[in-house]
Amino acid sequence: MTLNLDDVIATLIFLIFIVLVIAIIFIAIKGLRNSTKEKQLINQKLDTVLKS
């Protein structure tokens, strides 16, 4: 069995690409969660200001 260097490089690039895509999706989901938490905090502050 002979290892073709081109195949190895292509496989590595493909794996790196998949890892990057997963990381970008993870960061995007994390950012969306943070923005919803911030909106809730802003709404709570608005409610307290309006009540007083």
C-alpha atoms as a PDB file:
ATOM      1  CA  MET A   1       0.000   0.000   0.000  1.00  0.00           C
ATOM      2  CA  THR A   2       1.506   3.289  -1.112  1.00  0.00           C
ATOM      3  CA  LEU A   3       0.532   6.619   0.382  1.00  0.00           C
ATOM      4  CA  ASN A   4      -0.099   9.365  -2.135  1.00  0.00           C
ATOM      5  CA  LEU A   5       1.021  12.730  -0.752  1.00  0.00           C
ATOM      6  CA  ASP A   6      -1.683  14.589  -2.685  1.00  0.00           C
ATOM      7  CA  ASP A   7      -4.392  12.434  -1.113  1.00  0.00           C
ATOM      8  CA  VAL A   8      -2.998  13.049   2.380  1.00  0.00           C
ATOM      9  CA  ILE A   9      -2.874  16.823   1.863  1.00  0.00           C
ATOM     10  CA  ALA A  10      -6.381  16.879   0.371  1.00  0.00           C
ATOM     11  CA  THR A  11      -7.748  14.874   3.307  1.00  0.00           C
ATOM     12  CA  LEU A  12      -6.074  17.176   5.837  1.00  0.00           C
ATOM     13  CA  ILE A  13      -7.445  20.283   4.104  1.00  0.00           C
ATOM     14  CA  PHE A  14     -10.912  18.694   4.045  1.00  0.00           C
ATOM     15  CA  LEU A  15     -10.760  17.857   7.773  1.00  0.00           C
ATOM     16  CA  ILE A  16      -9.550  21.365   8.652  1.00  0.00           C
ATOM     17  CA  PHE A  17     -12.417  22.815   6.582  1.00  0.00           C
ATOM     18  CA  ILE A  18     -14.984  20.689   8.467  1.00  0.00           C
ATOM     19  CA  VAL A  19     -13.527  21.747  11.841  1.00  0.00           C
ATOM     20  CA  LEU A  20     -13.692  25.413  10.801  1.00  0.00           C
ATOM     21  CA  VAL A  21     -17.319  25.095   9.708  1.00  0.00           C
ATOM     22  CA  ILE A  22     -18.281  23.432  13.010  1.00  0.00           C
ATOM     23  CA  ALA A  23     -16.410  26.138  14.969  1.00  0.00           C
ATOM     24  CA  ILE A  24     -18.152  28.940  13.038  1.00  0.00           C
ATOM     25  CA  ILE A  25     -21.575  27.367  13.648  1.00  0.00           C
ATOM     26  CA  PHE A  26     -20.772  26.946  17.370  1.00  0.00           C
ATOM     27  CA  ILE A  27     -19.654  30.588  17.688  1.00  0.00           C
ATOM     28  CA  ALA A  28     -22.767  31.784  15.839  1.00  0.00           C
ATOM     29  CA  ILE A  29     -25.077  29.823  18.174  1.00  0.00           C
ATOM     30  CA  LYS A  30     -23.196  31.156  21.210  1.00  0.00           C
ATOM     31  CA  GLY A  31     -23.550  34.721  19.897  1.00  0.00           C
ATOM     32  CA  LEU A  32     -27.291  34.292  19.362  1.00  0.00           C
ATOM     33  CA  ARG A  33     -27.723  33.010  22.923  1.00  0.00           C
ATOM     34  CA  ASN A  34     -25.790  35.976  24.327  1.00  0.00           C
ATOM     35  CA  SER A  35     -27.874  38.461  22.343  1.00  0.00           C
ATOM     36  CA  THR A  36     -31.125  36.966  23.667  1.00  0.00           C
ATOM     37  CA  LYS A  37     -29.800  37.216  27.243  1.00  0.00           C
ATOM     38  CA  GLU A  38     -28.886  40.862  26.645  1.00  0.00           C
ATOM     39  CA  LYS A  39     -32.359  41.565  25.271  1.00  0.00           C
ATOM     40  CA  GLN A  40     -33.915  40.032  28.394  1.00  0.00           C
ATOM     41  CA  LEU A  41     -31.711  42.202  30.624  1.00  0.00           C
ATOM     42  CA  ILE A  42     -32.619  45.324  28.651  1.00  0.00           C
ATOM     43  CA  ASN A  43     -36.322  44.456  28.883  1.00  0.00           C
ATOM     44  CA  GLN A  44     -36.054  43.940  32.655  1.00  0.00           C
ATOM     45  CA  LYS A  45     -34.329  47.315  33.066  1.00  0.00           C
ATOM     46  CA  LEU A  46     -37.000  48.987  30.939  1.00  0.00           C
ATOM     47  CA  ASP A  47     -39.734  47.383  33.025  1.00  0.00           C
ATOM     48  CA  THR A  48     -38.211  48.641  36.282  1.00  0.00           C
ATOM     49  CA  VAL A  49     -37.827  52.152  34.849  1.00  0.00           C
ATOM     50  CA  LEU A  50     -41.422  52.182  33.596  1.00  0.00           C
ATOM     51  CA  LYS A  51     -42.810  50.863  36.908  1.00  0.00           C
ATOM     52  CA  SER A  52     -41.107  53.508  39.044  1.00  0.00           C
END
